[in-house]
Amino acid sequence: IAGLEHATSGEITVDGRDFMTVPPQRRNIGMVFQSYALFPHLTIFENVAYGLRLRGIGADEIGRRVAATLALLQLEPYAARHPAGLSGGQQQRVSIARALVYEPTMLLLDEPLANLDAKLRVMMREEVRALQRRLGITTLYVTHDQEEATAVSDRLAVFNHGRLIQLGTPEEIYTRPQTLFVADFIGRANFLPARLLDRARPVAGARLRDGTELRPARTVPLESAEAATLPEGDDGTVMIRPEHLALNTSAGDIACRVLRIQLLGGLIRYTVQSAASSADILVETTRPLPGIAEGGGAHLA
């Protein structure tokens, strides 16, 4: 899209304009790199002004634009410093400022927060999202962090081996995945091998390996490659999100044994083992479950 790599096929159209024939320097696209790509010998002011100087903008206009962009990203106190004197988060803000200062029609961010620690990543993604909303600029954000993707996006495009698998809102992608890959990649999920029942009905029933029969909320045909991976004797997979499972000590649909209980901040994750699945099953709640202990028996519903 930026023109730094040549497309071998297809089309790139922006506002009805064919970008395949437009050289990179004329696409007016702002690029933010994972590695920041700042010039270490230039001050923060000069790093941000670099693109404007290449475009032949006058000194007064450069000063006005750079000052305004540094203010927007709360970088004014650091204008005279060099990149080495800034934290990782501040350097990334400089990289964003340099991409915004010449008023691009589109902003491309290539895993911009990958080099930051977890806490700073969360803070910076909120800044990026707030900035995008304030400016109203079309932004394409590439990331392998699923939580980051759902937190900053209006729409998500999930790719696998260079192929677009599903496009939709974060809610659509999470609640209505079209393939096992998407269900597994976006958020956590339990996959229980099953035999499908009542195929003639709009939503087929399913029998798990322990004999439990369920009525899933919807059925989705498996891709041929995914169907080929099913264990012998199974012709379907039931996907259940951990937060949609209930765990208790009384009777339920699926008998299980509690292997592990983990406190993850405001979330408690229970890992259980059941004859219904060869893989461990995850259950997530926001509060401790009475009577549930590691090594003890329980039931899933």
C-alpha atoms as a PDB file:
ATOM      1  CA  ILE A   1       0.000   0.000   0.000  1.00  0.00           C
ATOM      2  CA  ALA A   2       2.849   2.400   0.781  1.00  0.00           C
ATOM      3  CA  GLY A   3       4.585   1.447  -2.469  1.00  0.00           C
ATOM      4  CA  LEU A   4       7.730   0.173  -0.762  1.00  0.00           C
ATOM      5  CA  GLU A   5       6.989  -3.285  -2.190  1.00  0.00           C
ATOM      6  CA  HIS A   6       5.570  -3.977  -5.647  1.00  0.00           C
ATOM      7  CA  ALA A   7       2.253  -5.842  -5.789  1.00  0.00           C
ATOM      8  CA  THR A   8       2.418  -8.854  -8.107  1.00  0.00           C
ATOM      9  CA  SER A   9      -1.341  -8.889  -8.723  1.00  0.00           C
ATOM     10  CA  GLY A  10      -4.616  -7.336  -7.677  1.00  0.00           C
ATOM     11  CA  GLU A  11      -5.535  -3.686  -7.184  1.00  0.00           C
ATOM     12  CA  ILE A  12      -4.899  -0.972  -4.608  1.00  0.00           C
ATOM     13  CA  THR A  13      -7.566   1.716  -4.781  1.00  0.00           C
ATOM     14  CA  VAL A  14      -7.721   4.706  -2.427  1.00  0.00           C
ATOM     15  CA  ASP A  15     -10.645   7.143  -2.761  1.00  0.00           C
ATOM     16  CA  GLY A  16     -11.288   5.732  -6.215  1.00  0.00           C
ATOM     17  CA  ARG A  17      -7.691   6.308  -7.319  1.00  0.00           C
ATOM     18  CA  ASP A  18      -5.575   3.441  -8.664  1.00  0.00           C
ATOM     19  CA  PHE A  19      -2.450   3.419  -6.492  1.00  0.00           C
ATOM     20  CA  MET A  20      -0.667   0.710  -8.480  1.00  0.00           C
ATOM     21  CA  THR A  21       0.693   3.352 -10.864  1.00  0.00           C
ATOM     22  CA  VAL A  22       1.447   6.029  -8.226  1.00  0.00           C
ATOM     23  CA  PRO A  23       5.091   6.220  -7.007  1.00  0.00           C
ATOM     24  CA  PRO A  24       5.588   5.952  -3.215  1.00  0.00           C
ATOM     25  CA  GLN A  25       6.555   9.601  -2.746  1.00  0.00           C
ATOM     26  CA  ARG A  26       3.270  10.730  -4.297  1.00  0.00           C
ATOM     27  CA  ARG A  27       0.902   8.501  -2.329  1.00  0.00           C
ATOM     28  CA  ASN A  28       0.819  10.863   0.705  1.00  0.00           C
ATOM     29  CA  ILE A  29       0.761   7.967   3.148  1.00  0.00           C
ATOM     30  CA  GLY A  30       2.222   8.128   6.659  1.00  0.00           C
ATOM     31  CA  MET A  31       4.246   5.064   7.700  1.00  0.00           C
ATOM     32  CA  VAL A  32       5.046   4.085  11.293  1.00  0.00           C
ATOM     33  CA  PHE A  33       7.643   1.311  11.586  1.00  0.00           C
ATOM     34  CA  GLN A  34       8.060  -1.291  14.316  1.00  0.00           C
ATOM     35  CA  SER A  35      11.677  -0.228  14.855  1.00  0.00           C
ATOM     36  CA  TYR A  36      10.773   3.524  15.063  1.00  0.00           C
ATOM     37  CA  ALA A  37      13.419   4.233  12.348  1.00  0.00           C
ATOM     38  CA  LEU A  38      14.389   7.579  13.903  1.00  0.00           C
ATOM     39  CA  PHE A  39      17.599   9.394  12.916  1.00  0.00           C
ATOM     40  CA  PRO A  40      19.823   9.182  16.028  1.00  0.00           C
ATOM     41  CA  HIS A  41      21.903  12.267  15.070  1.00  0.00           C
ATOM     42  CA  LEU A  42      18.871  14.553  14.666  1.00  0.00           C
ATOM     43  CA  THR A  43      16.853  16.208  17.399  1.00  0.00           C
ATOM     44  CA  ILE A  44      13.207  15.284  17.887  1.00  0.00           C
ATOM     45  CA  PHE A  45      12.204  18.508  16.120  1.00  0.00           C
ATOM     46  CA  GLU A  46      14.394  17.699  13.115  1.00  0.00           C
ATOM     47  CA  ASN A  47      13.209  14.076  12.993  1.00  0.00           C
ATOM     48  CA  VAL A  48       9.615  15.253  12.735  1.00  0.00           C
ATOM     49  CA  ALA A  49      10.505  18.025  10.276  1.00  0.00           C
ATOM     50  CA  TYR A  50      12.485  15.722   7.974  1.00  0.00           C
ATOM     51  CA  GLY A  51       9.627  14.804   5.652  1.00  0.00           C
ATOM     52  CA  LEU A  52       8.542  18.436   5.329  1.00  0.00           C
ATOM     53  CA  ARG A  53      12.047  19.546   4.373  1.00  0.00           C
ATOM     54  CA  LEU A  54      12.147  16.877   1.647  1.00  0.00           C
ATOM     55  CA  ARG A  55       8.916  18.332   0.293  1.00  0.00           C
ATOM     56  CA  GLY A  56      10.411  21.820   0.111  1.00  0.00           C
ATOM     57  CA  ILE A  57       8.080  23.359   2.697  1.00  0.00           C
ATOM     58  CA  GLY A  58       9.136  26.815   3.954  1.00  0.00           C
ATOM     59  CA  ALA A  59      10.845  27.226   7.327  1.00  0.00           C
ATOM     60  CA  ASP A  60       7.958  29.133   8.951  1.00  0.00           C
ATOM     61  CA  GLU A  61       5.400  26.515   7.874  1.00  0.00           C
ATOM     62  CA  ILE A  62       7.700  23.716   9.051  1.00  0.00           C
ATOM     63  CA  GLY A  63       7.999  25.358  12.454  1.00  0.00           C
ATOM     64  CA  ARG A  64       4.231  25.754  12.749  1.00  0.00           C
ATOM     65  CA  ARG A  65       3.410  22.206  11.673  1.00  0.00           C
ATOM     66  CA  VAL A  66       6.100  20.524  13.772  1.00  0.00           C
ATOM     67  CA  ALA A  67       5.150  22.533  16.877  1.00  0.00           C
ATOM     68  CA  ALA A  68       1.473  21.657  16.429  1.00  0.00           C
ATOM     69  CA  THR A  69       2.213  17.948  15.906  1.00  0.00           C
ATOM     70  CA  LEU A  70       4.565  17.749  18.887  1.00  0.00           C
ATOM     71  CA  ALA A  71       1.862  19.400  21.010  1.00  0.00           C
ATOM     72  CA  LEU A  72      -0.721  16.920  19.755  1.00  0.00           C
ATOM     73  CA  LEU A  73       1.463  14.019  20.921  1.00  0.00           C
ATOM     74  CA  GLN A  74       2.659  15.738  24.127  1.00  0.00           C
ATOM     75  CA  LEU A  75       6.247  15.883  22.909  1.00  0.00           C
ATOM     76  CA  GLU A  76       6.889  19.644  23.167  1.00  0.00           C
ATOM     77  CA  PRO A  77       9.334  19.373  26.130  1.00  0.00           C
ATOM     78  CA  TYR A  78      11.533  16.969  24.142  1.00  0.00           C
ATOM     79  CA  ALA A  79      11.895  18.933  20.890  1.00  0.00           C
ATOM     80  CA  ALA A  80      15.596  19.662  21.436  1.00  0.00           C
ATOM     81  CA  ARG A  81      16.525  16.163  22.631  1.00  0.00           C
ATOM     82  CA  HIS A  82      17.889  13.275  20.587  1.00  0.00           C
ATOM     83  CA  PRO A  83      16.088   9.912  20.335  1.00  0.00           C
ATOM     84  CA  ALA A  84      18.524   8.188  22.714  1.00  0.00           C
ATOM     85  CA  GLY A  85      17.310  10.468  25.505  1.00  0.00           C
ATOM     86  CA  LEU A  86      13.706   9.282  25.213  1.00  0.00           C
ATOM     87  CA  SER A  87      11.876   6.193  26.440  1.00  0.00           C
ATOM     88  CA  GLY A  88      10.524   3.584  24.034  1.00  0.00           C
ATOM     89  CA  GLY A  89       7.013   4.980  24.278  1.00  0.00           C
ATOM     90  CA  GLN A  90       8.222   8.527  23.622  1.00  0.00           C
ATOM     91  CA  GLN A  91      10.265   7.378  20.613  1.00  0.00           C
ATOM     92  CA  GLN A  92       7.201   5.673  19.184  1.00  0.00           C
ATOM     93  CA  ARG A  93       5.227   8.900  19.604  1.00  0.00           C
ATOM     94  CA  VAL A  94       7.965  10.702  17.670  1.00  0.00           C
ATOM     95  CA  SER A  95       7.646   8.115  14.909  1.00  0.00           C
ATOM     96  CA  ILE A  96       3.886   8.740  14.790  1.00  0.00           C
ATOM     97  CA  ALA A  97       4.424  12.525  14.816  1.00  0.00           C
ATOM     98  CA  ARG A  98       6.794  12.258  11.845  1.00  0.00           C
ATOM     99  CA  ALA A  99       4.129  10.318   9.931  1.00  0.00           C
ATOM    100  CA  LEU A 100       1.354  12.797  10.782  1.00  0.00           C
ATOM    101  CA  VAL A 101       3.138  16.110  10.297  1.00  0.00           C
ATOM    102  CA  TYR A 102       2.681  16.272   6.513  1.00  0.00           C
ATOM    103  CA  GLU A 103      -1.058  15.562   6.859  1.00  0.00           C
ATOM    104  CA  PRO A 104      -1.273  12.154   5.106  1.00  0.00           C
ATOM    105  CA  THR A 105      -4.513  10.771   3.706  1.00  0.00           C
ATOM    106  CA  MET A 106      -3.819   7.394   5.318  1.00  0.00           C
ATOM    107  CA  LEU A 107      -1.687   6.119   8.195  1.00  0.00           C
ATOM    108  CA  LEU A 108       0.016   2.709   8.087  1.00  0.00           C
ATOM    109  CA  LEU A 109       1.311   1.197  11.325  1.00  0.00           C
ATOM    110  CA  ASP A 110       3.449  -1.937  11.110  1.00  0.00           C
ATOM    111  CA  GLU A 111       3.353  -3.629  14.544  1.00  0.00           C
ATOM    112  CA  PRO A 112       4.121  -0.229  16.129  1.00  0.00           C
ATOM    113  CA  LEU A 113       4.028  -1.401  19.765  1.00  0.00           C
ATOM    114  CA  ALA A 114       5.891  -4.720  19.459  1.00  0.00           C
ATOM    115  CA  ASN A 115       9.068  -3.358  21.104  1.00  0.00           C
ATOM    116  CA  LEU A 116       7.306  -1.995  24.197  1.00  0.00           C
ATOM    117  CA  ASP A 117       6.644  -3.781  27.483  1.00  0.00           C
ATOM    118  CA  ALA A 118       3.123  -5.059  28.186  1.00  0.00           C
ATOM    119  CA  LYS A 119       1.919  -2.179  30.376  1.00  0.00           C
ATOM    120  CA  LEU A 120       3.269   0.502  28.042  1.00  0.00           C
ATOM    121  CA  ARG A 121       1.751  -1.309  25.058  1.00  0.00           C
ATOM    122  CA  VAL A 122      -1.719  -1.010  26.577  1.00  0.00           C
ATOM    123  CA  MET A 123      -1.214   2.684  27.315  1.00  0.00           C
ATOM    124  CA  MET A 124       0.151   3.427  23.833  1.00  0.00           C
ATOM    125  CA  ARG A 125      -2.606   1.561  22.004  1.00  0.00           C
ATOM    126  CA  GLU A 126      -5.146   3.745  23.813  1.00  0.00           C
ATOM    127  CA  GLU A 127      -3.217   6.831  22.690  1.00  0.00           C
ATOM    128  CA  VAL A 128      -3.120   5.617  19.090  1.00  0.00           C
ATOM    129  CA  ARG A 129      -6.864   4.902  19.121  1.00  0.00           C
ATOM    130  CA  ALA A 130      -7.700   8.281  20.692  1.00  0.00           C
ATOM    131  CA  LEU A 131      -5.482  10.048  18.159  1.00  0.00           C
ATOM    132  CA  GLN A 132      -7.119   8.248  15.239  1.00  0.00           C
ATOM    133  CA  ARG A 133     -10.591   9.191  16.471  1.00  0.00           C
ATOM    134  CA  ARG A 134      -9.577  12.813  16.987  1.00  0.00           C
ATOM    135  CA  LEU A 135      -8.026  13.189  13.534  1.00  0.00           C
ATOM    136  CA  GLY A 136     -10.482  10.956  11.673  1.00  0.00           C
ATOM    137  CA  ILE A 137      -7.686   9.608   9.490  1.00  0.00           C
ATOM    138  CA  THR A 138      -7.996   6.181   7.845  1.00  0.00           C
ATOM    139  CA  THR A 139      -5.517   3.917   9.641  1.00  0.00           C
ATOM    140  CA  LEU A 140      -4.334   0.430   8.748  1.00  0.00           C
ATOM    141  CA  TYR A 141      -2.828  -1.237  11.815  1.00  0.00           C
ATOM    142  CA  VAL A 142      -0.919  -4.527  11.474  1.00  0.00           C
ATOM    143  CA  THR A 143      -0.405  -6.611  14.603  1.00  0.00           C
ATOM    144  CA  HIS A 144      -0.071 -10.214  15.799  1.00  0.00           C
ATOM    145  CA  ASP A 145      -1.493  -9.236  19.219  1.00  0.00           C
ATOM    146  CA  GLN A 146      -5.150 -10.287  19.165  1.00  0.00           C
ATOM    147  CA  GLU A 147      -6.154  -8.164  22.161  1.00  0.00           C
ATOM    148  CA  GLU A 148      -4.460  -5.147  20.637  1.00  0.00           C
ATOM    149  CA  ALA A 149      -6.265  -5.751  17.342  1.00  0.00           C
ATOM    150  CA  THR A 150      -9.715  -5.908  18.902  1.00  0.00           C
ATOM    151  CA  ALA A 151      -9.004  -2.904  21.164  1.00  0.00           C
ATOM    152  CA  VAL A 152      -8.044  -0.417  18.424  1.00  0.00           C
ATOM    153  CA  SER A 153     -10.138  -1.534  15.458  1.00  0.00           C
ATOM    154  CA  ASP A 154     -13.423  -0.575  13.863  1.00  0.00           C
ATOM    155  CA  ARG A 155     -12.964  -3.502  11.469  1.00  0.00           C
ATOM    156  CA  LEU A 156     -10.683  -6.532  11.609  1.00  0.00           C
ATOM    157  CA  ALA A 157      -9.175  -8.459   8.716  1.00  0.00           C
ATOM    158  CA  VAL A 158      -7.760 -11.836   9.773  1.00  0.00           C
ATOM    159  CA  PHE A 159      -5.093 -13.314   7.489  1.00  0.00           C
ATOM    160  CA  ASN A 160      -3.540 -16.776   7.459  1.00  0.00           C
ATOM    161  CA  HIS A 161      -0.539 -17.528   5.226  1.00  0.00           C
ATOM    162  CA  GLY A 162      -1.270 -14.421   3.158  1.00  0.00           C
ATOM    163  CA  ARG A 163      -4.936 -15.270   2.617  1.00  0.00           C
ATOM    164  CA  LEU A 164      -7.813 -13.141   3.922  1.00  0.00           C
ATOM    165  CA  ILE A 165      -9.922 -15.462   6.085  1.00  0.00           C
ATOM    166  CA  GLN A 166     -12.540 -13.155   7.585  1.00  0.00           C
ATOM    167  CA  LEU A 167     -13.419  -9.462   7.632  1.00  0.00           C
ATOM    168  CA  GLY A 168     -15.794  -7.835  10.120  1.00  0.00           C
ATOM    169  CA  THR A 169     -16.157  -5.845  13.325  1.00  0.00           C
ATOM    170  CA  PRO A 170     -14.244  -7.106  16.379  1.00  0.00           C
ATOM    171  CA  GLU A 171     -17.535  -8.307  17.863  1.00  0.00           C
ATOM    172  CA  GLU A 172     -18.458 -10.220  14.689  1.00  0.00           C
ATOM    173  CA  ILE A 173     -15.040 -11.839  14.468  1.00  0.00           C
ATOM    174  CA  TYR A 174     -15.105 -12.903  18.128  1.00  0.00           C
ATOM    175  CA  THR A 175     -18.724 -14.064  18.384  1.00  0.00           C
ATOM    176  CA  ARG A 176     -19.222 -15.432  14.857  1.00  0.00           C
ATOM    177  CA  PRO A 177     -15.899 -16.838  13.576  1.00  0.00           C
ATOM    178  CA  GLN A 178     -16.197 -18.470  10.155  1.00  0.00           C
ATOM    179  CA  THR A 179     -13.302 -20.936  10.565  1.00  0.00           C
ATOM    180  CA  LEU A 180     -11.555 -22.836  13.339  1.00  0.00           C
ATOM    181  CA  PHE A 181      -8.438 -20.762  12.670  1.00  0.00           C
ATOM    182  CA  VAL A 182     -10.258 -17.488  13.360  1.00  0.00           C
ATOM    183  CA  ALA A 183     -11.968 -18.919  16.446  1.00  0.00           C
ATOM    184  CA  ASP A 184      -8.611 -20.058  17.827  1.00  0.00           C
ATOM    185  CA  PHE A 185      -6.622 -16.971  16.804  1.00  0.00           C
ATOM    186  CA  ILE A 186      -8.976 -14.285  18.142  1.00  0.00           C
ATOM    187  CA  GLY A 187      -9.507 -14.899  21.851  1.00  0.00           C
ATOM    188  CA  ARG A 188      -9.385 -18.196  23.726  1.00  0.00           C
ATOM    189  CA  ALA A 189     -11.609 -21.108  22.796  1.00  0.00           C
ATOM    190  CA  ASN A 190     -12.279 -24.734  23.721  1.00  0.00           C
ATOM    191  CA  PHE A 191     -12.601 -27.200  20.847  1.00  0.00           C
ATOM    192  CA  LEU A 192     -14.470 -30.408  21.666  1.00  0.00           C
ATOM    193  CA  PRO A 193     -14.488 -33.204  19.022  1.00  0.00           C
ATOM    194  CA  ALA A 194     -18.015 -34.343  18.239  1.00  0.00           C
ATOM    195  CA  ARG A 195     -20.380 -36.316  16.029  1.00  0.00           C
ATOM    196  CA  LEU A 196     -23.094 -34.220  14.407  1.00  0.00           C
ATOM    197  CA  LEU A 197     -26.742 -35.210  14.907  1.00  0.00           C
ATOM    198  CA  ASP A 198     -30.008 -34.106  13.280  1.00  0.00           C
ATOM    199  CA  ARG A 199     -28.265 -32.768  10.189  1.00  0.00           C
ATOM    200  CA  ALA A 200     -31.618 -31.934   8.589  1.00  0.00           C
ATOM    201  CA  ARG A 201     -32.344 -29.314  11.259  1.00  0.00           C
ATOM    202  CA  PRO A 202     -31.081 -25.703  10.819  1.00  0.00           C
ATOM    203  CA  VAL A 203     -28.757 -26.128  13.798  1.00  0.00           C
ATOM    204  CA  ALA A 204     -27.525 -29.703  14.142  1.00  0.00           C
ATOM    205  CA  GLY A 205     -27.056 -31.288  17.529  1.00  0.00           C
ATOM    206  CA  ALA A 206     -23.692 -32.704  18.566  1.00  0.00           C
ATOM    207  CA  ARG A 207     -22.604 -35.711  20.652  1.00  0.00           C
ATOM    208  CA  LEU A 208     -19.313 -35.351  22.528  1.00  0.00           C
ATOM    209  CA  ARG A 209     -16.912 -38.206  23.184  1.00  0.00           C
ATOM    210  CA  ASP A 210     -18.327 -38.829  26.671  1.00  0.00           C
ATOM    211  CA  GLY A 211     -21.834 -39.187  25.250  1.00  0.00           C
ATOM    212  CA  THR A 212     -23.022 -35.706  26.214  1.00  0.00           C
ATOM    213  CA  GLU A 213     -25.414 -34.231  23.654  1.00  0.00           C
ATOM    214  CA  LEU A 214     -25.411 -30.474  23.022  1.00  0.00           C
ATOM    215  CA  ARG A 215     -27.339 -28.099  20.800  1.00  0.00           C
ATOM    216  CA  PRO A 216     -24.824 -25.481  19.553  1.00  0.00           C
ATOM    217  CA  ALA A 217     -26.060 -21.956  18.876  1.00  0.00           C
ATOM    218  CA  ARG A 218     -25.128 -22.259  15.196  1.00  0.00           C
ATOM    219  CA  THR A 219     -23.287 -24.534  12.786  1.00  0.00           C
ATOM    220  CA  VAL A 220     -20.603 -23.519  10.301  1.00  0.00           C
ATOM    221  CA  PRO A 221     -19.221 -25.815   7.582  1.00  0.00           C
ATOM    222  CA  LEU A 222     -15.546 -26.648   8.111  1.00  0.00           C
ATOM    223  CA  GLU A 223     -12.998 -25.742   5.477  1.00  0.00           C
ATOM    224  CA  SER A 224     -11.734 -28.879   3.712  1.00  0.00           C
ATOM    225  CA  ALA A 225      -8.270 -28.526   5.262  1.00  0.00           C
ATOM    226  CA  GLU A 226      -9.780 -28.225   8.736  1.00  0.00           C
ATOM    227  CA  ALA A 227     -12.152 -31.148   8.206  1.00  0.00           C
ATOM    228  CA  ALA A 228      -9.170 -33.304   7.195  1.00  0.00           C
ATOM    229  CA  THR A 229      -7.587 -32.774  10.633  1.00  0.00           C
ATOM    230  CA  LEU A 230     -10.553 -34.189  12.577  1.00  0.00           C
ATOM    231  CA  PRO A 231      -9.763 -37.377  14.541  1.00  0.00           C
ATOM    232  CA  GLU A 232     -11.166 -40.622  13.176  1.00  0.00           C
ATOM    233  CA  GLY A 233     -14.759 -41.134  14.262  1.00  0.00           C
ATOM    234  CA  ASP A 234     -15.508 -37.407  14.602  1.00  0.00           C
ATOM    235  CA  ASP A 235     -17.104 -35.257  11.926  1.00  0.00           C
ATOM    236  CA  GLY A 236     -17.348 -31.928  13.740  1.00  0.00           C
ATOM    237  CA  THR A 237     -15.952 -29.715  16.486  1.00  0.00           C
ATOM    238  CA  VAL A 238     -17.891 -27.813  19.136  1.00  0.00           C
ATOM    239  CA  MET A 239     -16.294 -24.437  19.926  1.00  0.00           C
ATOM    240  CA  ILE A 240     -17.081 -22.894  23.325  1.00  0.00           C
ATOM    241  CA  ARG A 241     -15.530 -19.716  24.722  1.00  0.00           C
ATOM    242  CA  PRO A 242     -14.162 -20.133  28.302  1.00  0.00           C
ATOM    243  CA  GLU A 243     -16.455 -17.403  29.655  1.00  0.00           C
ATOM    244  CA  HIS A 244     -19.525 -19.213  28.300  1.00  0.00           C
ATOM    245  CA  LEU A 245     -18.933 -22.289  30.463  1.00  0.00           C
ATOM    246  CA  ALA A 246     -20.206 -22.655  34.020  1.00  0.00           C
ATOM    247  CA  LEU A 247     -18.366 -24.813  36.562  1.00  0.00           C
ATOM    248  CA  ASN A 248     -20.047 -26.193  39.686  1.00  0.00           C
ATOM    249  CA  THR A 249     -20.010 -29.104  42.117  1.00  0.00           C
ATOM    250  CA  SER A 250     -23.587 -30.209  41.430  1.00  0.00           C
ATOM    251  CA  ALA A 251     -24.815 -32.167  38.436  1.00  0.00           C
ATOM    252  CA  GLY A 252     -24.108 -30.712  35.006  1.00  0.00           C
ATOM    253  CA  ASP A 253     -23.700 -31.719  31.400  1.00  0.00           C
ATOM    254  CA  ILE A 254     -20.025 -32.742  31.492  1.00  0.00           C
ATOM    255  CA  ALA A 255     -18.175 -34.385  34.391  1.00  0.00           C
ATOM    256  CA  CYS A 256     -14.601 -33.133  34.884  1.00  0.00           C
ATOM    257  CA  ARG A 257     -11.661 -32.856  37.275  1.00  0.00           C
ATOM    258  CA  VAL A 258     -10.064 -29.518  38.166  1.00  0.00           C
ATOM    259  CA  LEU A 259      -6.363 -29.467  37.278  1.00  0.00           C
ATOM    260  CA  ARG A 260      -5.377 -25.869  37.926  1.00  0.00           C
ATOM    261  CA  ILE A 261      -6.780 -22.560  39.203  1.00  0.00           C
ATOM    262  CA  GLN A 262      -5.024 -19.357  38.127  1.00  0.00           C
ATOM    263  CA  LEU A 263      -5.665 -15.807  39.318  1.00  0.00           C
ATOM    264  CA  LEU A 264      -5.033 -13.479  36.366  1.00  0.00           C
ATOM    265  CA  GLY A 265      -5.792 -10.022  37.709  1.00  0.00           C
ATOM    266  CA  GLY A 266      -9.554  -9.559  37.493  1.00  0.00           C
ATOM    267  CA  LEU A 267      -9.966 -12.967  35.850  1.00  0.00           C
ATOM    268  CA  ILE A 268      -9.861 -16.480  37.326  1.00  0.00           C
ATOM    269  CA  ARG A 269      -9.052 -19.308  34.930  1.00  0.00           C
ATOM    270  CA  TYR A 270      -9.977 -22.908  35.756  1.00  0.00           C
ATOM    271  CA  THR A 271      -8.267 -25.654  33.745  1.00  0.00           C
ATOM    272  CA  VAL A 272     -10.212 -28.917  33.834  1.00  0.00           C
ATOM    273  CA  GLN A 273      -9.881 -32.385  32.342  1.00  0.00           C
ATOM    274  CA  SER A 274     -12.811 -34.364  30.953  1.00  0.00           C
ATOM    275  CA  ALA A 275     -13.557 -37.488  28.938  1.00  0.00           C
ATOM    276  CA  ALA A 276     -15.362 -35.185  26.516  1.00  0.00           C
ATOM    277  CA  SER A 277     -12.054 -33.918  25.133  1.00  0.00           C
ATOM    278  CA  SER A 278      -8.463 -35.082  24.797  1.00  0.00           C
ATOM    279  CA  ALA A 279      -7.325 -31.484  25.410  1.00  0.00           C
ATOM    280  CA  ASP A 280      -7.739 -29.547  28.650  1.00  0.00           C
ATOM    281  CA  ILE A 281     -10.847 -27.336  28.889  1.00  0.00           C
ATOM    282  CA  LEU A 282     -10.660 -23.721  30.098  1.00  0.00           C
ATOM    283  CA  VAL A 283     -13.336 -21.976  32.159  1.00  0.00           C
ATOM    284  CA  GLU A 284     -12.997 -18.272  32.979  1.00  0.00           C
ATOM    285  CA  THR A 285     -14.916 -16.318  35.623  1.00  0.00           C
ATOM    286  CA  THR A 286     -14.625 -12.941  37.324  1.00  0.00           C
ATOM    287  CA  ARG A 287     -14.977 -14.339  40.853  1.00  0.00           C
ATOM    288  CA  PRO A 288     -13.958 -17.495  42.750  1.00  0.00           C
ATOM    289  CA  LEU A 289     -16.345 -20.451  42.502  1.00  0.00           C
ATOM    290  CA  PRO A 290     -17.361 -21.907  45.892  1.00  0.00           C
ATOM    291  CA  GLY A 291     -16.507 -25.546  46.483  1.00  0.00           C
ATOM    292  CA  ILE A 292     -14.142 -25.757  43.478  1.00  0.00           C
ATOM    293  CA  ALA A 293     -10.567 -26.808  44.332  1.00  0.00           C
ATOM    294  CA  GLU A 294      -7.586 -28.165  42.437  1.00  0.00           C
ATOM    295  CA  GLY A 295      -7.736 -31.949  42.187  1.00  0.00           C
ATOM    296  CA  GLY A 296     -11.449 -32.048  42.953  1.00  0.00           C
ATOM    297  CA  GLY A 297     -14.342 -33.171  40.820  1.00  0.00           C
ATOM    298  CA  ALA A 298     -16.821 -30.806  39.199  1.00  0.00           C
ATOM    299  CA  HIS A 299     -19.327 -30.466  36.384  1.00  0.00           C
ATOM    300  CA  LEU A 300     -19.433 -28.218  33.313  1.00  0.00           C
ATOM    301  CA  ALA A 301     -22.619 -26.672  32.005  1.00  0.00           C
END
